[in-house]
C-alpha atoms as a PDB file:
ATOM      1  CA  VAL A   1       0.926  18.204   6.885  1.00  0.00           C
ATOM      2  CA  PRO A   2      -2.886  19.066   6.788  1.00  0.00           C
ATOM      3  CA  LEU A   3      -2.694  20.068   3.262  1.00  0.00           C
ATOM      4  CA  TYR A   4      -0.671  16.375   2.119  1.00  0.00           C
ATOM      5  CA  GLY A   5      -3.439  14.943   3.879  1.00  0.00           C
ATOM      6  CA  GLU A   6      -6.194  16.219   1.085  1.00  0.00           C
ATOM      7  CA  LEU A   7      -3.543  15.488  -1.573  1.00  0.00           C
ATOM      8  CA  LEU A   8      -3.767  11.621  -0.753  1.00  0.00           C
ATOM      9  CA  ALA A   9      -7.022  11.475  -1.992  1.00  0.00           C
ATOM     10  CA  VAL A  10      -6.232  11.101  -5.263  1.00  0.00           C
ATOM     11  CA  THR A  11      -3.912   7.840  -5.775  1.00  0.00           C
ATOM     12  CA  GLY A  12      -0.644   8.161  -7.990  1.00  0.00           C
ATOM     13  CA  GLY A  13       2.118  10.723  -7.495  1.00  0.00           C
ATOM     14  CA  LYS A  14       1.737  12.506 -10.699  1.00  0.00           C
ATOM     15  CA  GLU A  15      -1.814  12.599 -10.456  1.00  0.00           C
ATOM     16  CA  ARG A  16      -1.658  13.988  -7.153  1.00  0.00           C
ATOM     17  CA  ILE A  17       0.758  16.440  -8.702  1.00  0.00           C
ATOM     18  CA  ARG A  18      -1.851  17.640 -11.027  1.00  0.00           C
ATOM     19  CA  PHE A  19      -4.767  17.711  -8.713  1.00  0.00           C
ATOM     20  CA  TYR A  20      -2.649  20.025  -6.251  1.00  0.00           C
ATOM     21  CA  LEU A  21      -1.956  22.373  -9.337  1.00  0.00           C
ATOM     22  CA  ASP A  22      -5.894  22.091 -10.203  1.00  0.00           C
ATOM     23  CA  ARG A  23      -7.141  22.930  -6.789  1.00  0.00           C
ATOM     24  CA  PHE A  24      -4.794  24.489  -4.452  1.00  0.00           C
ATOM     25  CA  ASN A  25      -2.104  26.303  -6.833  1.00  0.00           C
ATOM     26  CA  GLN A  26      -4.166  27.558  -9.733  1.00  0.00           C
ATOM     27  CA  GLN A  27      -1.930  30.761 -10.068  1.00  0.00           C
ATOM     28  CA  PHE A  28       1.188  28.886 -10.950  1.00  0.00           C
ATOM     29  CA  GLN A  29       2.538  29.452 -14.550  1.00  0.00           C
ATOM     30  CA  ARG A  30       2.248  26.303 -16.236  1.00  0.00           C
ATOM     31  CA  PRO A  31       4.603  25.333 -19.101  1.00  0.00           C
ATOM     32  CA  ALA A  32       3.595  24.587 -22.475  1.00  0.00           C
ATOM     33  CA  ASP A  33       4.618  21.009 -21.803  1.00  0.00           C
ATOM     34  CA  LEU A  34       2.825  20.244 -18.503  1.00  0.00           C
ATOM     35  CA  GLU A  35       2.963  16.584 -18.496  1.00  0.00           C
ATOM     36  CA  GLY A  36       6.875  16.543 -19.281  1.00  0.00           C
ATOM     37  CA  PHE A  37       7.077  19.194 -16.137  1.00  0.00           C
ATOM     38  CA  ILE A  38       4.820  17.304 -13.974  1.00  0.00           C
ATOM     39  CA  ALA A  39       6.662  13.623 -15.213  1.00  0.00           C
ATOM     40  CA  GLU A  40      10.424  15.420 -14.083  1.00  0.00           C
ATOM     41  CA  LEU A  41       8.803  16.682 -10.813  1.00  0.00           C
ATOM     42  CA  HIS A  42       7.637  13.393 -10.060  1.00  0.00           C
ATOM     43  CA  ARG A  43      10.999  11.616 -11.017  1.00  0.00           C
ATOM     44  CA  SER A  44      13.220  14.161  -8.395  1.00  0.00           C
ATOM     45  CA  LYS A  45      10.395  13.345  -5.863  1.00  0.00           C
ATOM     46  CA  THR A  46      11.257   9.622  -7.042  1.00  0.00           C
ATOM     47  CA  ALA A  47      14.844  10.600  -6.679  1.00  0.00           C
ATOM     48  CA  HIS A  48      14.945  12.320  -3.033  1.00  0.00           C
ATOM     49  CA  TYR A  49      12.377   9.458  -1.550  1.00  0.00           C
ATOM     50  CA  THR A  50      15.104   7.201  -2.848  1.00  0.00           C
ATOM     51  CA  ARG A  51      17.971   8.663  -1.246  1.00  0.00           C
ATOM     52  CA  MET A  52      16.229   9.025   2.182  1.00  0.00           C
ATOM     53  CA  LEU A  53      15.810   5.286   2.391  1.00  0.00           C
ATOM     54  CA  ALA A  54      19.259   4.598   1.600  1.00  0.00           C
ATOM     55  CA  GLU A  55      20.157   7.233   4.269  1.00  0.00           C
ATOM     56  CA  GLY A  56      17.800   4.191   6.573  1.00  0.00           C
ATOM     57  CA  LEU A  57      15.205   7.856   6.883  1.00  0.00           C
ATOM     58  CA  ILE A  58      12.220   5.689   6.337  1.00  0.00           C
ATOM     59  CA  PRO A  59      11.821   2.782   8.495  1.00  0.00           C
ATOM     60  CA  LEU A  60       9.123   0.263   8.112  1.00  0.00           C
ATOM     61  CA  ARG A  61       6.501   0.171  10.196  1.00  0.00           C
ATOM     62  CA  SER A  62       5.948  -2.107  13.203  1.00  0.00           C
ATOM     63  CA  GLY A  63       5.555  -5.387  12.129  1.00  0.00           C
ATOM     64  CA  VAL A  64       5.821  -5.580   8.519  1.00  0.00           C
ATOM     65  CA  LYS A  65       9.326  -7.219   8.542  1.00  0.00           C
ATOM     66  CA  ARG A  66       8.558  -9.716  10.731  1.00  0.00           C
ATOM     67  CA  LEU A  67       5.222 -10.834   8.606  1.00  0.00           C
ATOM     68  CA  LEU A  68       6.582 -10.382   5.518  1.00  0.00           C
ATOM     69  CA  GLN A  69       9.961 -13.077   6.675  1.00  0.00           C
ATOM     70  CA  GLU A  70       7.299 -15.203   8.606  1.00  0.00           C
ATOM     71  CA  ALA A  71       5.044 -15.938   5.497  1.00  0.00           C
ATOM     72  CA  LEU A  72       7.998 -16.167   3.157  1.00  0.00           C
ATOM     73  CA  ASP A  73       9.303 -19.066   5.634  1.00  0.00           C
ATOM     74  CA  ALA A  74       5.808 -20.788   5.221  1.00  0.00           C
ATOM     75  CA  GLY A  75       5.929 -20.583   1.518  1.00  0.00           C
ATOM     76  CA  ILE A  76       3.072 -17.823   1.526  1.00  0.00           C
ATOM     77  CA  ARG A  77       2.659 -16.657  -1.962  1.00  0.00           C
ATOM     78  CA  LEU A  78       3.534 -12.872  -1.752  1.00  0.00           C
ATOM     79  CA  ALA A  79       2.429  -9.878  -3.945  1.00  0.00           C
ATOM     80  CA  ILE A  80       2.250  -6.290  -3.922  1.00  0.00           C
ATOM     81  CA  ALA A  81      -0.480  -4.306  -5.666  1.00  0.00           C
ATOM     82  CA  THR A  82       0.564  -0.358  -5.521  1.00  0.00           C
ATOM     83  CA  THR A  83       0.083   2.708  -7.108  1.00  0.00           C
ATOM     84  CA  THR A  84       3.511   4.019  -6.417  1.00  0.00           C
ATOM     85  CA  THR A  85       6.084   3.552  -9.016  1.00  0.00           C
ATOM     86  CA  PRO A  86       8.298   0.603  -9.441  1.00  0.00           C
ATOM     87  CA  ALA A  87      11.544   2.495  -8.904  1.00  0.00           C
ATOM     88  CA  ASN A  88      10.223   3.327  -5.375  1.00  0.00           C
ATOM     89  CA  VAL A  89       9.085  -0.251  -4.741  1.00  0.00           C
ATOM     90  CA  SER A  90      12.318  -1.314  -5.677  1.00  0.00           C
ATOM     91  CA  ALA A  91      14.090   1.024  -3.018  1.00  0.00           C
ATOM     92  CA  LEU A  92      11.589   0.504  -0.327  1.00  0.00           C
ATOM     93  CA  LEU A  93      12.505  -3.242  -0.896  1.00  0.00           C
ATOM     94  CA  GLU A  94      16.505  -3.064  -1.121  1.00  0.00           C
ATOM     95  CA  HIS A  95      16.602  -0.712   1.650  1.00  0.00           C
ATOM     96  CA  SER A  96      14.785  -1.757   4.479  1.00  0.00           C
ATOM     97  CA  LEU A  97      14.051  -5.530   3.753  1.00  0.00           C
ATOM     98  CA  ALA A  98      16.593  -6.972   1.872  1.00  0.00           C
ATOM     99  CA  ALA A  99      18.852  -6.572  -0.937  1.00  0.00           C
ATOM    100  CA  ASP A 100      17.113  -9.409  -3.113  1.00  0.00           C
ATOM    101  CA  ALA A 101      14.006  -8.374  -1.387  1.00  0.00           C
ATOM    102  CA  GLU A 102      12.217  -8.121  -5.006  1.00  0.00           C
ATOM    103  CA  ARG A 103      12.143 -11.751  -5.331  1.00  0.00           C
ATOM    104  CA  TRP A 104      10.626 -12.190  -2.129  1.00  0.00           C
ATOM    105  CA  PHE A 105       7.126 -11.335  -4.021  1.00  0.00           C
ATOM    106  CA  GLU A 106       5.934 -13.537  -6.976  1.00  0.00           C
ATOM    107  CA  VAL A 107       4.232 -10.576  -8.913  1.00  0.00           C
ATOM    108  CA  ILE A 108       4.821  -6.622  -8.147  1.00  0.00           C
ATOM    109  CA  ALA A 109       2.039  -4.963  -9.630  1.00  0.00           C
ATOM    110  CA  ALA A 110       2.918  -1.195  -9.464  1.00  0.00           C
ATOM    111  CA  GLY A 111       2.664   2.550 -11.028  1.00  0.00           C
ATOM    112  CA  ASP A 112       0.935   3.048 -14.538  1.00  0.00           C
ATOM    113  CA  ILE A 113       0.637  -1.103 -15.388  1.00  0.00           C
ATOM    114  CA  VAL A 114      -2.762  -0.238 -15.572  1.00  0.00           C
ATOM    115  CA  PRO A 115      -4.449   2.864 -16.635  1.00  0.00           C
ATOM    116  CA  ALA A 116      -7.159   3.625 -14.217  1.00  0.00           C
ATOM    117  CA  LYS A 117      -5.338   3.556 -10.383  1.00  0.00           C
ATOM    118  CA  LYS A 118      -6.881   3.322  -6.696  1.00  0.00           C
ATOM    119  CA  PRO A 119      -9.650   2.999  -6.302  1.00  0.00           C
ATOM    120  CA  ALA A 120     -10.317   1.142  -9.156  1.00  0.00           C
ATOM    121  CA  PRO A 121     -10.057  -2.282  -8.773  1.00  0.00           C
ATOM    122  CA  ASP A 122      -7.710  -3.054 -11.427  1.00  0.00           C
ATOM    123  CA  ILE A 123      -4.608  -3.447 -10.107  1.00  0.00           C
ATOM    124  CA  TYR A 124      -5.556  -6.106  -8.051  1.00  0.00           C
ATOM    125  CA  THR A 125      -7.401  -7.788 -10.911  1.00  0.00           C
ATOM    126  CA  TRP A 126      -4.370  -7.614 -12.859  1.00  0.00           C
ATOM    127  CA  ALA A 127      -2.241  -9.026  -9.994  1.00  0.00           C
ATOM    128  CA  MET A 128      -4.481 -11.747  -9.545  1.00  0.00           C
ATOM    129  CA  GLN A 129      -4.388 -12.460 -13.348  1.00  0.00           C
ATOM    130  CA  GLN A 130      -0.745 -13.184 -13.045  1.00  0.00           C
ATOM    131  CA  LEU A 131      -0.773 -15.257  -9.934  1.00  0.00           C
ATOM    132  CA  ALA A 132      -3.311 -17.133 -11.277  1.00  0.00           C
ATOM    133  CA  LEU A 133      -5.651 -16.775  -8.557  1.00  0.00           C
ATOM    134  CA  THR A 134      -9.276 -16.122  -7.766  1.00  0.00           C
ATOM    135  CA  PRO A 135     -10.359 -13.555  -5.068  1.00  0.00           C
ATOM    136  CA  GLU A 136     -11.473 -15.922  -2.408  1.00  0.00           C
ATOM    137  CA  HIS A 137      -7.822 -17.194  -2.343  1.00  0.00           C
ATOM    138  CA  CYS A 138      -6.099 -13.790  -1.493  1.00  0.00           C
ATOM    139  CA  VAL A 139      -6.135 -11.796   1.688  1.00  0.00           C
ATOM    140  CA  ALA A 140      -5.401  -7.701   1.362  1.00  0.00           C
ATOM    141  CA  LEU A 141      -3.555  -5.678   3.560  1.00  0.00           C
ATOM    142  CA  GLU A 142      -4.207  -1.929   2.831  1.00  0.00           C
ATOM    143  CA  ASP A 143      -4.328   1.642   4.946  1.00  0.00           C
ATOM    144  CA  SER A 144      -6.250   3.571   2.890  1.00  0.00           C
ATOM    145  CA  ALA A 145     -10.069   3.859   1.949  1.00  0.00           C
ATOM    146  CA  ASN A 146      -9.233   3.917  -1.646  1.00  0.00           C
ATOM    147  CA  GLY A 147      -7.122   0.596  -1.284  1.00  0.00           C
ATOM    148  CA  VAL A 148     -10.358  -1.108   0.951  1.00  0.00           C
ATOM    149  CA  ILE A 149     -12.352  -0.020  -2.228  1.00  0.00           C
ATOM    150  CA  ALA A 150     -10.212  -1.262  -4.836  1.00  0.00           C
ATOM    151  CA  ALA A 151      -9.392  -4.456  -3.175  1.00  0.00           C
ATOM    152  CA  ARG A 152     -13.256  -5.190  -2.438  1.00  0.00           C
ATOM    153  CA  ASP A 153     -14.219  -4.186  -5.896  1.00  0.00           C
ATOM    154  CA  ALA A 154     -11.644  -6.589  -7.389  1.00  0.00           C
ATOM    155  CA  GLY A 155     -13.767  -9.347  -5.042  1.00  0.00           C
ATOM    156  CA  ILE A 156     -11.250  -9.789  -2.460  1.00  0.00           C
ATOM    157  CA  ARG A 157     -13.050 -10.096   0.758  1.00  0.00           C
ATOM    158  CA  SER A 158     -10.038 -10.868   3.466  1.00  0.00           C
ATOM    159  CA  ILE A 159      -9.273  -7.142   3.774  1.00  0.00           C
ATOM    160  CA  LEU A 160      -7.170  -6.415   6.563  1.00  0.00           C
ATOM    161  CA  VAL A 161      -6.214  -2.365   7.491  1.00  0.00           C
ATOM    162  CA  THR A 162      -3.545  -1.027   9.276  1.00  0.00           C
ATOM    163  CA  THR A 163      -4.244   2.883   9.527  1.00  0.00           C
ATOM    164  CA  ASN A 164      -2.078   5.738   9.909  1.00  0.00           C
ATOM    165  CA  ASP A 165      -2.488   9.611  10.628  1.00  0.00           C
ATOM    166  CA  TYR A 166      -3.280  10.210   7.219  1.00  0.00           C
ATOM    167  CA  THR A 167      -6.178   7.620   6.954  1.00  0.00           C
ATOM    168  CA  ALA A 168      -7.151   7.215  10.479  1.00  0.00           C
ATOM    169  CA  ASP A 169     -10.779   8.782   9.766  1.00  0.00           C
ATOM    170  CA  HIS A 170     -11.244   6.886   6.710  1.00  0.00           C
ATOM    171  CA  ASP A 171     -14.623   4.853   6.042  1.00  0.00           C
ATOM    172  CA  PHE A 172     -13.067   1.364   5.718  1.00  0.00           C
ATOM    173  CA  ASN A 173     -16.760  -0.483   4.622  1.00  0.00           C
ATOM    174  CA  GLY A 174     -15.267  -3.405   3.066  1.00  0.00           C
ATOM    175  CA  ALA A 175     -12.735  -4.224   5.225  1.00  0.00           C
ATOM    176  CA  GLY A 176     -12.847  -7.475   8.234  1.00  0.00           C
ATOM    177  CA  LEU A 177     -10.303  -6.319  10.453  1.00  0.00           C
ATOM    178  CA  VAL A 178      -8.908  -2.302  11.077  1.00  0.00           C
ATOM    179  CA  LEU A 179      -5.709  -2.419  13.448  1.00  0.00           C
ATOM    180  CA  ASP A 180      -3.597   0.715  14.194  1.00  0.00           C
ATOM    181  CA  GLN A 181      -0.300  -1.114  13.515  1.00  0.00           C
ATOM    182  CA  LEU A 182       0.555  -4.974  12.524  1.00  0.00           C
ATOM    183  CA  GLY A 183       2.163  -4.660  15.982  1.00  0.00           C
ATOM    184  CA  GLU A 184       5.294  -6.614  17.581  1.00  0.00           C
ATOM    185  CA  PRO A 185       5.199  -9.037  20.626  1.00  0.00           C
ATOM    186  CA  ASP A 186       6.508  -6.125  23.106  1.00  0.00           C
ATOM    187  CA  ALA A 187       4.052  -3.302  20.839  1.00  0.00           C
ATOM    188  CA  PRO A 188       0.659  -4.704  20.606  1.00  0.00           C
ATOM    189  CA  PHE A 189      -1.484  -3.309  17.840  1.00  0.00           C
ATOM    190  CA  GLN A 190      -5.042  -1.317  18.805  1.00  0.00           C
ATOM    191  CA  VAL A 191      -7.882  -2.955  17.424  1.00  0.00           C
ATOM    192  CA  ILE A 192     -10.342  -0.035  15.750  1.00  0.00           C
ATOM    193  CA  SER A 193     -12.876  -3.307  14.289  1.00  0.00           C
ATOM    194  CA  GLY A 194     -12.841  -6.606  14.043  1.00  0.00           C
ATOM    195  CA  GLU A 195     -12.171  -9.747  16.158  1.00  0.00           C
ATOM    196  CA  VAL A 196      -8.326 -10.642  16.617  1.00  0.00           C
ATOM    197  CA  GLY A 197      -9.148 -13.322  19.918  1.00  0.00           C
ATOM    198  CA  ASP A 198      -6.205 -13.077  22.576  1.00  0.00           C
ATOM    199  CA  LYS A 199      -3.792 -11.936  19.712  1.00  0.00           C
ATOM    200  CA  ARG A 200      -1.784  -8.915  20.246  1.00  0.00           C
ATOM    201  CA  TYR A 201      -0.132  -8.766  16.984  1.00  0.00           C
ATOM    202  CA  VAL A 202      -0.609  -9.872  13.238  1.00  0.00           C
ATOM    203  CA  ASP A 203       1.147 -13.146  12.997  1.00  0.00           C
ATOM    204  CA  LEU A 204       0.103 -15.732   9.811  1.00  0.00           C
ATOM    205  CA  ALA A 205      -1.816 -17.956  12.561  1.00  0.00           C
ATOM    206  CA  LEU A 206      -4.245 -14.475  12.769  1.00  0.00           C
ATOM    207  CA  ILE A 207      -4.013 -13.710   8.986  1.00  0.00           C
ATOM    208  CA  ARG A 208      -5.065 -18.102   8.187  1.00  0.00           C
ATOM    209  CA  ALA A 209      -7.930 -17.218  10.890  1.00  0.00           C
ATOM    210  CA  PHE A 210      -8.614 -14.086   9.406  1.00  0.00           C
ATOM    211  CA  HIS A 211      -8.794 -15.144   5.607  1.00  0.00           C
ATOM    212  CA  ALA A 212     -10.958 -18.769   6.896  1.00  0.00           C
ATOM    213  CA  GLY A 213     -13.344 -16.466   8.649  1.00  0.00           C
ATOM    214  CA  SER A 214     -14.223 -13.892   5.880  1.00  0.00           C
END
């Protein structure tokens, strides 16, 4: 687990595998087609992840489904900007939300759709171009320092972070609100930095107030 925490400093699954070989497993006998080997290993990892999702072994974090449903019902335009593969995104949405959950999102920017991954801003820039939106109209929800840097450098000023065990000690400079989770009415979040008033969990009203004040 601690080693994987170090690996997560590198965004992108294939890039992370190469980083592991370069930094932590230099004695590994590299095949002639290293790129093909890494791609196949990553495909195997994706298949394993997808199978675990289908078996219900990877639940959504607190508040995610509730907040997405609230935004969807209110007609909020939703998009995904991620370094993970499109296959991972599709599996996560299908097994954790609904069979048609991909249609909840107007744009899904994932994987190698842009060459430079987070912390480069390219994935956010591309998503906003597809949405025909400027940064001041957007709110980014992130969970890592690399994600915050990417959103910030894409011009987005409303950045809300929920930490996890791997990113709790990250530097979230640029994020206006940092919480330990989105929370639920019966399981409130803890505020790490920022102002939430009397709110105990993230809902659409809090998102709107946060965006207005950013």
